[in-house]
Amino acid sequence: MIGAVILTTVPVPVPVAAVGWIIAGLGAGLGFTINSIAVLDDAAGTVGRASSQMELGNQAGIAIGTGLAGALVATMGATAAGLSGVLVVAGAGVVLALLAPTRFAETHPPLTPPER
């Protein structure tokens, strides 16, 4: 998704930016769906608790990211430096999100589809 944002900050043809946003939207949609399936599959009997914690985490991430981005733009202004800072914060969030599953890899076996 960050690549699509970067594409729209430099002069590129509109169709190229549109394709970038389509790919970003597809990735975000697949990521949220797979995340939900994995959490609820692992919940076994505590689906309500797991789904509420997942939703709280999603909303907290959005609020914190928006707040940090707004603070950066407010302090640095809507300049190239301010918007670059927002992209750096977003990139740091991506890195943290990619590192998080490694904490659970040893304690949880990989998901396998149910047998029919």
PDB file of N, CA and C in Angstrom:
ATOM      1  N   MET A   1       0.829  -1.183   0.000  1.00  0.00           N
ATOM      2  CA  MET A   1       0.000   0.000   0.000  1.00  0.00           C
ATOM      3  C   MET A   1       0.877   1.251   0.000  1.00  0.00           C
ATOM      4  N   ILE A   2       2.002   1.182   0.680  1.00  0.00           N
ATOM      5  CA  ILE A   2       2.881   2.347   0.719  1.00  0.00           C
ATOM      6  C   ILE A   2       3.403   2.650  -0.677  1.00  0.00           C
ATOM      7  N   GLY A   3       3.639   1.613  -1.463  1.00  0.00           N
ATOM      8  CA  GLY A   3       4.072   1.829  -2.843  1.00  0.00           C
ATOM      9  C   GLY A   3       3.037   2.607  -3.635  1.00  0.00           C
ATOM     10  N   ALA A   4       1.749   2.321  -3.413  1.00  0.00           N
ATOM     11  CA  ALA A   4       0.687   3.053  -4.113  1.00  0.00           C
ATOM     12  C   ALA A   4       0.658   4.510  -3.672  1.00  0.00           C
ATOM     13  N   VAL A   5       0.902   4.761  -2.390  1.00  0.00           N
ATOM     14  CA  VAL A   5       0.938   6.142  -1.902  1.00  0.00           C
ATOM     15  C   VAL A   5       2.117   6.878  -2.526  1.00  0.00           C
ATOM     16  N   ILE A   6       3.271   6.225  -2.585  1.00  0.00           N
ATOM     17  CA  ILE A   6       4.446   6.853  -3.184  1.00  0.00           C
ATOM     18  C   ILE A   6       4.194   7.144  -4.658  1.00  0.00           C
ATOM     19  N   LEU A   7       3.509   6.216  -5.352  1.00  0.00           N
ATOM     20  CA  LEU A   7       3.196   6.451  -6.763  1.00  0.00           C
ATOM     21  C   LEU A   7       2.364   7.706  -6.969  1.00  0.00           C
ATOM     22  N   THR A   8       1.500   8.016  -6.000  1.00  0.00           N
ATOM     23  CA  THR A   8       0.647   9.187  -6.172  1.00  0.00           C
ATOM     24  C   THR A   8       1.326  10.480  -5.717  1.00  0.00           C
ATOM     25  N   THR A   9       2.532  10.387  -5.137  1.00  0.00           N
ATOM     26  CA  THR A   9       3.243  11.604  -4.739  1.00  0.00           C
ATOM     27  C   THR A   9       4.245  12.052  -5.784  1.00  0.00           C
ATOM     28  N   VAL A  10       4.490  11.221  -6.778  1.00  0.00           N
ATOM     29  CA  VAL A  10       5.382  11.596  -7.877  1.00  0.00           C
ATOM     30  C   VAL A  10       4.569  11.636  -9.161  1.00  0.00           C
ATOM     31  N   PRO A  11       5.013  12.382 -10.133  1.00  0.00           N
ATOM     32  CA  PRO A  11       4.238  12.460 -11.373  1.00  0.00           C
ATOM     33  C   PRO A  11       4.245  11.135 -12.141  1.00  0.00           C
ATOM     34  N   VAL A  12       3.133  10.451 -12.130  1.00  0.00           N
ATOM     35  CA  VAL A  12       2.948   9.227 -12.921  1.00  0.00           C
ATOM     36  C   VAL A  12       1.611   9.342 -13.641  1.00  0.00           C
ATOM     37  N   PRO A  13       1.441   8.614 -14.719  1.00  0.00           N
ATOM     38  CA  PRO A  13       0.145   8.635 -15.392  1.00  0.00           C
ATOM     39  C   PRO A  13      -0.959   8.097 -14.475  1.00  0.00           C
ATOM     40  N   VAL A  14      -2.137   8.636 -14.622  1.00  0.00           N
ATOM     41  CA  VAL A  14      -3.271   8.239 -13.783  1.00  0.00           C
ATOM     42  C   VAL A  14      -3.531   6.732 -13.843  1.00  0.00           C
ATOM     43  N   PRO A  15      -3.473   6.085 -15.002  1.00  0.00           N
ATOM     44  CA  PRO A  15      -3.712   4.631 -15.017  1.00  0.00           C
ATOM     45  C   PRO A  15      -2.702   3.855 -14.173  1.00  0.00           C
ATOM     46  N   VAL A  16      -1.448   4.300 -14.138  1.00  0.00           N
ATOM     47  CA  VAL A  16      -0.443   3.614 -13.317  1.00  0.00           C
ATOM     48  C   VAL A  16      -0.794   3.747 -11.836  1.00  0.00           C
ATOM     49  N   ALA A  17      -1.166   4.948 -11.418  1.00  0.00           N
ATOM     50  CA  ALA A  17      -1.565   5.151 -10.023  1.00  0.00           C
ATOM     51  C   ALA A  17      -2.815   4.346  -9.697  1.00  0.00           C
ATOM     52  N   ALA A  18      -3.759   4.282 -10.627  1.00  0.00           N
ATOM     53  CA  ALA A  18      -4.993   3.526 -10.393  1.00  0.00           C
ATOM     54  C   ALA A  18      -4.698   2.045 -10.218  1.00  0.00           C
ATOM     55  N   VAL A  19      -3.815   1.498 -11.045  1.00  0.00           N
ATOM     56  CA  VAL A  19      -3.446   0.084 -10.905  1.00  0.00           C
ATOM     57  C   VAL A  19      -2.750  -0.150  -9.568  1.00  0.00           C
ATOM     58  N   GLY A  20      -1.898   0.788  -9.158  1.00  0.00           N
ATOM     59  CA  GLY A  20      -1.238   0.662  -7.856  1.00  0.00           C
ATOM     60  C   GLY A  20      -2.238   0.629  -6.713  1.00  0.00           C
ATOM     61  N   TRP A  21      -3.255   1.489  -6.775  1.00  0.00           N
ATOM     62  CA  TRP A  21      -4.268   1.505  -5.718  1.00  0.00           C
ATOM     63  C   TRP A  21      -5.145   0.261  -5.760  1.00  0.00           C
ATOM     64  N   ILE A  22      -5.403  -0.271  -6.937  1.00  0.00           N
ATOM     65  CA  ILE A  22      -6.179  -1.517  -7.039  1.00  0.00           C
ATOM     66  C   ILE A  22      -5.412  -2.663  -6.391  1.00  0.00           C
ATOM     67  N   ILE A  23      -4.131  -2.751  -6.671  1.00  0.00           N
ATOM     68  CA  ILE A  23      -3.305  -3.799  -6.064  1.00  0.00           C
ATOM     69  C   ILE A  23      -3.226  -3.606  -4.546  1.00  0.00           C
ATOM     70  N   ALA A  24      -3.085  -2.359  -4.092  1.00  0.00           N
ATOM     71  CA  ALA A  24      -3.033  -2.078  -2.654  1.00  0.00           C
ATOM     72  C   ALA A  24      -4.345  -2.470  -1.981  1.00  0.00           C
ATOM     73  N   GLY A  25      -5.465  -2.131  -2.603  1.00  0.00           N
ATOM     74  CA  GLY A  25      -6.765  -2.491  -2.036  1.00  0.00           C
ATOM     75  C   GLY A  25      -6.975  -3.991  -1.985  1.00  0.00           C
ATOM     76  N   LEU A  26      -6.540  -4.696  -3.021  1.00  0.00           N
ATOM     77  CA  LEU A  26      -6.653  -6.150  -3.039  1.00  0.00           C
ATOM     78  C   LEU A  26      -5.826  -6.762  -1.917  1.00  0.00           C
ATOM     79  N   GLY A  27      -4.594  -6.255  -1.752  1.00  0.00           N
ATOM     80  CA  GLY A  27      -3.739  -6.771  -0.679  1.00  0.00           C
ATOM     81  C   GLY A  27      -4.318  -6.509   0.703  1.00  0.00           C
ATOM     82  N   ALA A  28      -4.856  -5.308   0.906  1.00  0.00           N
ATOM     83  CA  ALA A  28      -5.453  -4.986   2.207  1.00  0.00           C
ATOM     84  C   ALA A  28      -6.676  -5.855   2.463  1.00  0.00           C
ATOM     85  N   GLY A  29      -7.501  -6.045   1.448  1.00  0.00           N
ATOM     86  CA  GLY A  29      -8.688  -6.884   1.617  1.00  0.00           C
ATOM     87  C   GLY A  29      -8.340  -8.324   1.929  1.00  0.00           C
ATOM     88  N   LEU A  30      -7.357  -8.862   1.228  1.00  0.00           N
ATOM     89  CA  LEU A  30      -6.930 -10.237   1.503  1.00  0.00           C
ATOM     90  C   LEU A  30      -6.302 -10.353   2.883  1.00  0.00           C
ATOM     91  N   GLY A  31      -5.495  -9.351   3.250  1.00  0.00           N
ATOM     92  CA  GLY A  31      -4.837  -9.393   4.560  1.00  0.00           C
ATOM     93  C   GLY A  31      -5.821  -9.377   5.716  1.00  0.00           C
ATOM     94  N   PHE A  32      -6.818  -8.501   5.647  1.00  0.00           N
ATOM     95  CA  PHE A  32      -7.805  -8.438   6.722  1.00  0.00           C
ATOM     96  C   PHE A  32      -8.625  -9.717   6.793  1.00  0.00           C
ATOM     97  N   THR A  33      -8.994 -10.259   5.645  1.00  0.00           N
ATOM     98  CA  THR A  33      -9.796 -11.477   5.628  1.00  0.00           C
ATOM     99  C   THR A  33      -9.019 -12.656   6.188  1.00  0.00           C
ATOM    100  N   ILE A  34      -7.780 -12.821   5.746  1.00  0.00           N
ATOM    101  CA  ILE A  34      -6.969 -13.941   6.217  1.00  0.00           C
ATOM    102  C   ILE A  34      -6.671 -13.793   7.703  1.00  0.00           C
ATOM    103  N   ASN A  35      -6.421 -12.564   8.154  1.00  0.00           N
ATOM    104  CA  ASN A  35      -6.178 -12.318   9.568  1.00  0.00           C
ATOM    105  C   ASN A  35      -7.394 -12.725  10.392  1.00  0.00           C
ATOM    106  N   SER A  36      -8.571 -12.342   9.951  1.00  0.00           N
ATOM    107  CA  SER A  36      -9.796 -12.677  10.677  1.00  0.00           C
ATOM    108  C   SER A  36     -10.002 -14.186  10.729  1.00  0.00           C
ATOM    109  N   ILE A  37      -9.803 -14.846   9.616  1.00  0.00           N
ATOM    110  CA  ILE A  37      -9.981 -16.305   9.573  1.00  0.00           C
ATOM    111  C   ILE A  37      -9.000 -16.991  10.510  1.00  0.00           C
ATOM    112  N   ALA A  38      -7.748 -16.560  10.489  1.00  0.00           N
ATOM    113  CA  ALA A  38      -6.736 -17.180  11.344  1.00  0.00           C
ATOM    114  C   ALA A  38      -7.049 -16.980  12.823  1.00  0.00           C
ATOM    115  N   VAL A  39      -7.459 -15.782  13.201  1.00  0.00           N
ATOM    116  CA  VAL A  39      -7.772 -15.505  14.610  1.00  0.00           C
ATOM    117  C   VAL A  39      -8.983 -16.312  15.057  1.00  0.00           C
ATOM    118  N   LEU A  40     -10.033 -16.292  14.271  1.00  0.00           N
ATOM    119  CA  LEU A  40     -11.254 -16.990  14.668  1.00  0.00           C
ATOM    120  C   LEU A  40     -11.089 -18.499  14.618  1.00  0.00           C
ATOM    121  N   ASP A  41     -10.242 -19.013  13.731  1.00  0.00           N
ATOM    122  CA  ASP A  41      -9.983 -20.448  13.683  1.00  0.00           C
ATOM    123  C   ASP A  41      -9.232 -20.903  14.926  1.00  0.00           C
ATOM    124  N   ASP A  42      -8.354 -20.045  15.426  1.00  0.00           N
ATOM    125  CA  ASP A  42      -7.556 -20.381  16.602  1.00  0.00           C
ATOM    126  C   ASP A  42      -8.313 -20.139  17.910  1.00  0.00           C
ATOM    127  N   ALA A  43      -9.466 -19.476  17.850  1.00  0.00           N
ATOM    128  CA  ALA A  43     -10.169 -19.062  19.060  1.00  0.00           C
ATOM    129  C   ALA A  43     -10.833 -20.214  19.811  1.00  0.00           C
ATOM    130  N   ALA A  44     -11.301 -21.214  19.145  1.00  0.00           N
ATOM    131  CA  ALA A  44     -11.914 -22.413  19.731  1.00  0.00           C
ATOM    132  C   ALA A  44     -12.660 -22.156  21.041  1.00  0.00           C
ATOM    133  N   GLY A  45     -13.884 -21.724  20.948  1.00  0.00           N
ATOM    134  CA  GLY A  45     -14.715 -21.526  22.126  1.00  0.00           C
ATOM    135  C   GLY A  45     -14.726 -20.106  22.661  1.00  0.00           C
ATOM    136  N   THR A  46     -13.813 -19.290  22.237  1.00  0.00           N
ATOM    137  CA  THR A  46     -13.763 -17.897  22.700  1.00  0.00           C
ATOM    138  C   THR A  46     -13.807 -16.947  21.510  1.00  0.00           C
ATOM    139  N   VAL A  47     -14.673 -17.256  20.558  1.00  0.00           N
ATOM    140  CA  VAL A  47     -14.750 -16.475  19.332  1.00  0.00           C
ATOM    141  C   VAL A  47     -15.129 -15.031  19.621  1.00  0.00           C
ATOM    142  N   GLY A  48     -16.078 -14.812  20.517  1.00  0.00           N
ATOM    143  CA  GLY A  48     -16.501 -13.447  20.840  1.00  0.00           C
ATOM    144  C   GLY A  48     -15.366 -12.618  21.405  1.00  0.00           C
ATOM    145  N   ARG A  49     -14.618 -13.210  22.317  1.00  0.00           N
ATOM    146  CA  ARG A  49     -13.480 -12.496  22.916  1.00  0.00           C
ATOM    147  C   ARG A  49     -12.405 -12.213  21.868  1.00  0.00           C
ATOM    148  N   ALA A  50     -12.107 -13.214  21.047  1.00  0.00           N
ATOM    149  CA  ALA A  50     -11.066 -13.047  20.027  1.00  0.00           C
ATOM    150  C   ALA A  50     -11.457 -11.985  19.009  1.00  0.00           C
ATOM    151  N   SER A  51     -12.719 -12.006  18.570  1.00  0.00           N
ATOM    152  CA  SER A  51     -13.133 -11.025  17.557  1.00  0.00           C
ATOM    153  C   SER A  51     -13.165  -9.612  18.132  1.00  0.00           C
ATOM    154  N   SER A  52     -13.544  -9.474  19.409  1.00  0.00           N
ATOM    155  CA  SER A  52     -13.550  -8.132  19.999  1.00  0.00           C
ATOM    156  C   SER A  52     -12.123  -7.616  20.183  1.00  0.00           C
ATOM    157  N   GLN A  53     -11.190  -8.485  20.570  1.00  0.00           N
ATOM    158  CA  GLN A  53      -9.804  -8.064  20.706  1.00  0.00           C
ATOM    159  C   GLN A  53      -9.206  -7.706  19.352  1.00  0.00           C
ATOM    160  N   MET A  54      -9.578  -8.482  18.317  1.00  0.00           N
ATOM    161  CA  MET A  54      -9.081  -8.194  16.978  1.00  0.00           C
ATOM    162  C   MET A  54      -9.607  -6.841  16.486  1.00  0.00           C
ATOM    163  N   GLU A  55     -10.876  -6.582  16.715  1.00  0.00           N
ATOM    164  CA  GLU A  55     -11.466  -5.316  16.288  1.00  0.00           C
ATOM    165  C   GLU A  55     -10.873  -4.148  17.065  1.00  0.00           C
ATOM    166  N   LEU A  56     -10.652  -4.323  18.360  1.00  0.00           N
ATOM    167  CA  LEU A  56     -10.029  -3.277  19.162  1.00  0.00           C
ATOM    168  C   LEU A  56      -8.622  -2.978  18.651  1.00  0.00           C
ATOM    169  N   GLY A  57      -7.863  -4.019  18.321  1.00  0.00           N
ATOM    170  CA  GLY A  57      -6.524  -3.824  17.779  1.00  0.00           C
ATOM    171  C   GLY A  57      -6.548  -3.095  16.445  1.00  0.00           C
ATOM    172  N   ASN A  58      -7.487  -3.468  15.575  1.00  0.00           N
ATOM    173  CA  ASN A  58      -7.605  -2.785  14.279  1.00  0.00           C
ATOM    174  C   ASN A  58      -7.916  -1.308  14.467  1.00  0.00           C
ATOM    175  N   GLN A  59      -8.887  -1.005  15.298  1.00  0.00           N
ATOM    176  CA  GLN A  59      -9.293   0.382  15.493  1.00  0.00           C
ATOM    177  C   GLN A  59      -8.214   1.191  16.215  1.00  0.00           C
ATOM    178  N   ALA A  60      -7.528   0.578  17.176  1.00  0.00           N
ATOM    179  CA  ALA A  60      -6.445   1.283  17.877  1.00  0.00           C
ATOM    180  C   ALA A  60      -5.303   1.593  16.913  1.00  0.00           C
ATOM    181  N   GLY A  61      -4.981   0.642  16.029  1.00  0.00           N
ATOM    182  CA  GLY A  61      -3.926   0.878  15.036  1.00  0.00           C
ATOM    183  C   GLY A  61      -4.272   2.026  14.110  1.00  0.00           C
ATOM    184  N   ILE A  62      -5.523   2.072  13.666  1.00  0.00           N
ATOM    185  CA  ILE A  62      -5.965   3.159  12.793  1.00  0.00           C
ATOM    186  C   ILE A  62      -5.888   4.496  13.533  1.00  0.00           C
ATOM    187  N   ALA A  63      -6.360   4.516  14.767  1.00  0.00           N
ATOM    188  CA  ALA A  63      -6.363   5.768  15.540  1.00  0.00           C
ATOM    189  C   ALA A  63      -4.947   6.248  15.832  1.00  0.00           C
ATOM    190  N   ILE A  64      -4.074   5.338  16.227  1.00  0.00           N
ATOM    191  CA  ILE A  64      -2.692   5.727  16.545  1.00  0.00           C
ATOM    192  C   ILE A  64      -1.967   6.191  15.283  1.00  0.00           C
ATOM    193  N   GLY A  65      -2.138   5.466  14.187  1.00  0.00           N
ATOM    194  CA  GLY A  65      -1.497   5.857  12.933  1.00  0.00           C
ATOM    195  C   GLY A  65      -1.983   7.203  12.436  1.00  0.00           C
ATOM    196  N   THR A  66      -3.289   7.424  12.507  1.00  0.00           N
ATOM    197  CA  THR A  66      -3.847   8.707  12.074  1.00  0.00           C
ATOM    198  C   THR A  66      -3.366   9.838  12.972  1.00  0.00           C
ATOM    199  N   GLY A  67      -3.313   9.586  14.275  1.00  0.00           N
ATOM    200  CA  GLY A  67      -2.840  10.608  15.208  1.00  0.00           C
ATOM    201  C   GLY A  67      -1.381  10.976  14.976  1.00  0.00           C
ATOM    202  N   LEU A  68      -0.536   9.958  14.783  1.00  0.00           N
ATOM    203  CA  LEU A  68       0.881  10.238  14.524  1.00  0.00           C
ATOM    204  C   LEU A  68       1.068  10.973  13.200  1.00  0.00           C
ATOM    205  N   ALA A  69       0.337  10.556  12.177  1.00  0.00           N
ATOM    206  CA  ALA A  69       0.447  11.229  10.879  1.00  0.00           C
ATOM    207  C   ALA A  69      -0.031  12.674  10.987  1.00  0.00           C
ATOM    208  N   GLY A  70      -1.132  12.895  11.681  1.00  0.00           N
ATOM    209  CA  GLY A  70      -1.638  14.255  11.863  1.00  0.00           C
ATOM    210  C   GLY A  70      -0.676  15.115  12.645  1.00  0.00           C
ATOM    211  N   ALA A  71      -0.053  14.547  13.676  1.00  0.00           N
ATOM    212  CA  ALA A  71       0.922  15.313  14.467  1.00  0.00           C
ATOM    213  C   ALA A  71       2.141  15.676  13.632  1.00  0.00           C
ATOM    214  N   LEU A  72       2.595  14.743  12.802  1.00  0.00           N
ATOM    215  CA  LEU A  72       3.742  15.039  11.943  1.00  0.00           C
ATOM    216  C   LEU A  72       3.432  16.151  10.949  1.00  0.00           C
ATOM    217  N   VAL A  73       2.278  16.074  10.318  1.00  0.00           N
ATOM    218  CA  VAL A  73       1.905  17.105   9.347  1.00  0.00           C
ATOM    219  C   VAL A  73       1.686  18.438  10.055  1.00  0.00           C
ATOM    220  N   ALA A  74       1.116  18.400  11.265  1.00  0.00           N
ATOM    221  CA  ALA A  74       0.891  19.646  12.005  1.00  0.00           C
ATOM    222  C   ALA A  74       2.210  20.300  12.399  1.00  0.00           C
ATOM    223  N   THR A  75       3.212  19.487  12.757  1.00  0.00           N
ATOM    224  CA  THR A  75       4.493  20.074  13.162  1.00  0.00           C
ATOM    225  C   THR A  75       5.365  20.463  11.981  1.00  0.00           C
ATOM    226  N   MET A  76       5.387  19.622  10.967  1.00  0.00           N
ATOM    227  CA  MET A  76       6.285  19.872   9.838  1.00  0.00           C
ATOM    228  C   MET A  76       5.576  20.567   8.673  1.00  0.00           C
ATOM    229  N   GLY A  77       4.271  20.668   8.739  1.00  0.00           N
ATOM    230  CA  GLY A  77       3.515  21.279   7.654  1.00  0.00           C
ATOM    231  C   GLY A  77       3.277  20.298   6.523  1.00  0.00           C
ATOM    232  N   ALA A  78       2.396  20.654   5.628  1.00  0.00           N
ATOM    233  CA  ALA A  78       2.075  19.790   4.494  1.00  0.00           C
ATOM    234  C   ALA A  78       3.129  19.977   3.414  1.00  0.00           C
ATOM    235  N   THR A  79       4.366  19.695   3.785  1.00  0.00           N
ATOM    236  CA  THR A  79       5.491  19.827   2.874  1.00  0.00           C
ATOM    237  C   THR A  79       5.982  18.437   2.501  1.00  0.00           C
ATOM    238  N   ALA A  80       6.965  18.382   1.653  1.00  0.00           N
ATOM    239  CA  ALA A  80       7.533  17.089   1.274  1.00  0.00           C
ATOM    240  C   ALA A  80       8.130  16.391   2.501  1.00  0.00           C
ATOM    241  N   ALA A  81       8.751  17.155   3.393  1.00  0.00           N
ATOM    242  CA  ALA A  81       9.341  16.556   4.595  1.00  0.00           C
ATOM    243  C   ALA A  81       8.260  16.000   5.516  1.00  0.00           C
ATOM    244  N   GLY A  82       7.166  16.741   5.682  1.00  0.00           N
ATOM    245  CA  GLY A  82       6.083  16.270   6.540  1.00  0.00           C
ATOM    246  C   GLY A  82       5.423  15.019   5.998  1.00  0.00           C
ATOM    247  N   LEU A  83       5.162  14.998   4.706  1.00  0.00           N
ATOM    248  CA  LEU A  83       4.536  13.826   4.111  1.00  0.00           C
ATOM    249  C   LEU A  83       5.503  12.646   4.041  1.00  0.00           C
ATOM    250  N   SER A  84       6.782  12.915   3.889  1.00  0.00           N
ATOM    251  CA  SER A  84       7.777  11.842   3.923  1.00  0.00           C
ATOM    252  C   SER A  84       7.836  11.226   5.322  1.00  0.00           C
ATOM    253  N   GLY A  85       7.715  12.076   6.343  1.00  0.00           N
ATOM    254  CA  GLY A  85       7.671  11.566   7.715  1.00  0.00           C
ATOM    255  C   GLY A  85       6.485  10.646   7.936  1.00  0.00           C
ATOM    256  N   VAL A  86       5.352  10.993   7.341  1.00  0.00           N
ATOM    257  CA  VAL A  86       4.168  10.136   7.450  1.00  0.00           C
ATOM    258  C   VAL A  86       4.450   8.780   6.805  1.00  0.00           C
ATOM    259  N   LEU A  87       5.108   8.780   5.640  1.00  0.00           N
ATOM    260  CA  LEU A  87       5.438   7.521   4.976  1.00  0.00           C
ATOM    261  C   LEU A  87       6.430   6.699   5.790  1.00  0.00           C
ATOM    262  N   VAL A  88       7.358   7.365   6.476  1.00  0.00           N
ATOM    263  CA  VAL A  88       8.314   6.651   7.323  1.00  0.00           C
ATOM    264  C   VAL A  88       7.593   5.987   8.495  1.00  0.00           C
ATOM    265  N   VAL A  89       6.651   6.703   9.117  1.00  0.00           N
ATOM    266  CA  VAL A  89       5.873   6.130  10.222  1.00  0.00           C
ATOM    267  C   VAL A  89       5.050   4.940   9.717  1.00  0.00           C
ATOM    268  N   ALA A  90       4.444   5.085   8.541  1.00  0.00           N
ATOM    269  CA  ALA A  90       3.671   3.977   7.971  1.00  0.00           C
ATOM    270  C   ALA A  90       4.577   2.786   7.685  1.00  0.00           C
ATOM    271  N   GLY A  91       5.770   3.046   7.176  1.00  0.00           N
ATOM    272  CA  GLY A  91       6.724   1.969   6.915  1.00  0.00           C
ATOM    273  C   GLY A  91       7.151   1.260   8.196  1.00  0.00           C
ATOM    274  N   ALA A  92       7.332   2.028   9.261  1.00  0.00           N
ATOM    275  CA  ALA A  92       7.682   1.424  10.551  1.00  0.00           C
ATOM    276  C   ALA A  92       6.542   0.528  11.040  1.00  0.00           C
ATOM    277  N   GLY A  93       5.308   0.964  10.810  1.00  0.00           N
ATOM    278  CA  GLY A  93       4.162   0.128  11.174  1.00  0.00           C
ATOM    279  C   GLY A  93       4.135  -1.168  10.385  1.00  0.00           C
ATOM    280  N   VAL A  94       4.498  -1.096   9.125  1.00  0.00           N
ATOM    281  CA  VAL A  94       4.550  -2.302   8.289  1.00  0.00           C
ATOM    282  C   VAL A  94       5.614  -3.265   8.816  1.00  0.00           C
ATOM    283  N   VAL A  95       6.778  -2.733   9.155  1.00  0.00           N
ATOM    284  CA  VAL A  95       7.857  -3.580   9.676  1.00  0.00           C
ATOM    285  C   VAL A  95       7.419  -4.251  10.980  1.00  0.00           C
ATOM    286  N   LEU A  96       6.793  -3.495  11.875  1.00  0.00           N
ATOM    287  CA  LEU A  96       6.312  -4.082  13.133  1.00  0.00           C
ATOM    288  C   LEU A  96       5.263  -5.161  12.865  1.00  0.00           C
ATOM    289  N   ALA A  97       4.375  -4.901  11.903  1.00  0.00           N
ATOM    290  CA  ALA A  97       3.345  -5.892  11.574  1.00  0.00           C
ATOM    291  C   ALA A  97       3.964  -7.163  10.999  1.00  0.00           C
ATOM    292  N   LEU A  98       5.036  -7.020  10.246  1.00  0.00           N
ATOM    293  CA  LEU A  98       5.690  -8.203   9.685  1.00  0.00           C
ATOM    294  C   LEU A  98       6.476  -8.981  10.735  1.00  0.00           C
ATOM    295  N   LEU A  99       6.946  -8.294  11.770  1.00  0.00           N
ATOM    296  CA  LEU A  99       7.696  -8.970  12.826  1.00  0.00           C
ATOM    297  C   LEU A  99       6.799  -9.650  13.855  1.00  0.00           C
ATOM    298  N   ALA A 100       5.580  -9.175  14.014  1.00  0.00           N
ATOM    299  CA  ALA A 100       4.688  -9.702  15.047  1.00  0.00           C
ATOM    300  C   ALA A 100       4.433 -11.201  14.925  1.00  0.00           C
ATOM    301  N   PRO A 101       4.185 -11.752  13.746  1.00  0.00           N
ATOM    302  CA  PRO A 101       3.907 -13.193  13.673  1.00  0.00           C
ATOM    303  C   PRO A 101       5.066 -14.065  14.099  1.00  0.00           C
ATOM    304  N   THR A 102       6.291 -13.562  14.052  1.00  0.00           N
ATOM    305  CA  THR A 102       7.424 -14.392  14.449  1.00  0.00           C
ATOM    306  C   THR A 102       7.384 -14.724  15.934  1.00  0.00           C
ATOM    307  N   ARG A 103       6.686 -13.905  16.719  1.00  0.00           N
ATOM    308  CA  ARG A 103       6.552 -14.202  18.150  1.00  0.00           C
ATOM    309  C   ARG A 103       5.718 -15.440  18.389  1.00  0.00           C
ATOM    310  N   PHE A 104       4.789 -15.726  17.492  1.00  0.00           N
ATOM    311  CA  PHE A 104       3.846 -16.812  17.704  1.00  0.00           C
ATOM    312  C   PHE A 104       4.182 -18.055  16.885  1.00  0.00           C
ATOM    313  N   ALA A 105       5.159 -17.984  16.016  1.00  0.00           N
ATOM    314  CA  ALA A 105       5.466 -19.087  15.114  1.00  0.00           C
ATOM    315  C   ALA A 105       5.873 -20.347  15.861  1.00  0.00           C
ATOM    316  N   GLU A 106       6.565 -20.219  16.976  1.00  0.00           N
ATOM    317  CA  GLU A 106       7.036 -21.391  17.702  1.00  0.00           C
ATOM    318  C   GLU A 106       5.938 -22.031  18.538  1.00  0.00           C
ATOM    319  N   THR A 107       4.978 -21.244  19.017  1.00  0.00           N
ATOM    320  CA  THR A 107       3.967 -21.799  19.917  1.00  0.00           C
ATOM    321  C   THR A 107       2.726 -22.310  19.197  1.00  0.00           C
ATOM    322  N   HIS A 108       2.495 -21.852  17.971  1.00  0.00           N
ATOM    323  CA  HIS A 108       1.314 -22.275  17.221  1.00  0.00           C
ATOM    324  C   HIS A 108       1.740 -22.968  15.942  1.00  0.00           C
ATOM    325  N   PRO A 109       1.211 -24.173  15.715  1.00  0.00           N
ATOM    326  CA  PRO A 109       1.528 -24.837  14.440  1.00  0.00           C
ATOM    327  C   PRO A 109       0.849 -24.094  13.291  1.00  0.00           C
ATOM    328  N   PRO A 110       1.342 -24.268  12.074  1.00  0.00           N
ATOM    329  CA  PRO A 110       0.705 -23.605  10.934  1.00  0.00           C
ATOM    330  C   PRO A 110      -0.736 -24.079  10.756  1.00  0.00           C
ATOM    331  N   LEU A 111      -1.569 -23.184  10.250  1.00  0.00           N
ATOM    332  CA  LEU A 111      -2.973 -23.525  10.014  1.00  0.00           C
ATOM    333  C   LEU A 111      -3.078 -24.516   8.859  1.00  0.00           C
ATOM    334  N   THR A 112      -3.925 -25.515   9.055  1.00  0.00           N
ATOM    335  CA  THR A 112      -4.199 -26.461   7.978  1.00  0.00           C
ATOM    336  C   THR A 112      -5.692 -26.443   7.713  1.00  0.00           C
ATOM    337  N   PRO A 113      -6.080 -26.635   6.468  1.00  0.00           N
ATOM    338  CA  PRO A 113      -7.510 -26.634   6.188  1.00  0.00           C
ATOM    339  C   PRO A 113      -8.189 -27.825   6.852  1.00  0.00           C
ATOM    340  N   PRO A 114      -9.460 -27.650   7.255  1.00  0.00           N
ATOM    341  CA  PRO A 114     -10.172 -28.765   7.902  1.00  0.00           C
ATOM    342  C   PRO A 114     -10.381 -29.901   6.908  1.00  0.00           C
ATOM    343  N   GLU A 115     -10.353 -31.104   7.420  1.00  0.00           N
ATOM    344  CA  GLU A 115     -10.569 -32.271   6.568  1.00  0.00           C
ATOM    345  C   GLU A 115     -12.045 -32.432   6.314  1.00  0.00           C
ATOM    346  N   ARG A 116     -12.376 -32.836   5.107  1.00  0.00           N
ATOM    347  CA  ARG A 116     -13.786 -33.007   4.734  1.00  0.00           C
ATOM    348  C   ARG A 116     -14.146 -34.442   4.623  1.00  0.00           C
TER     349      ARG A 116
END
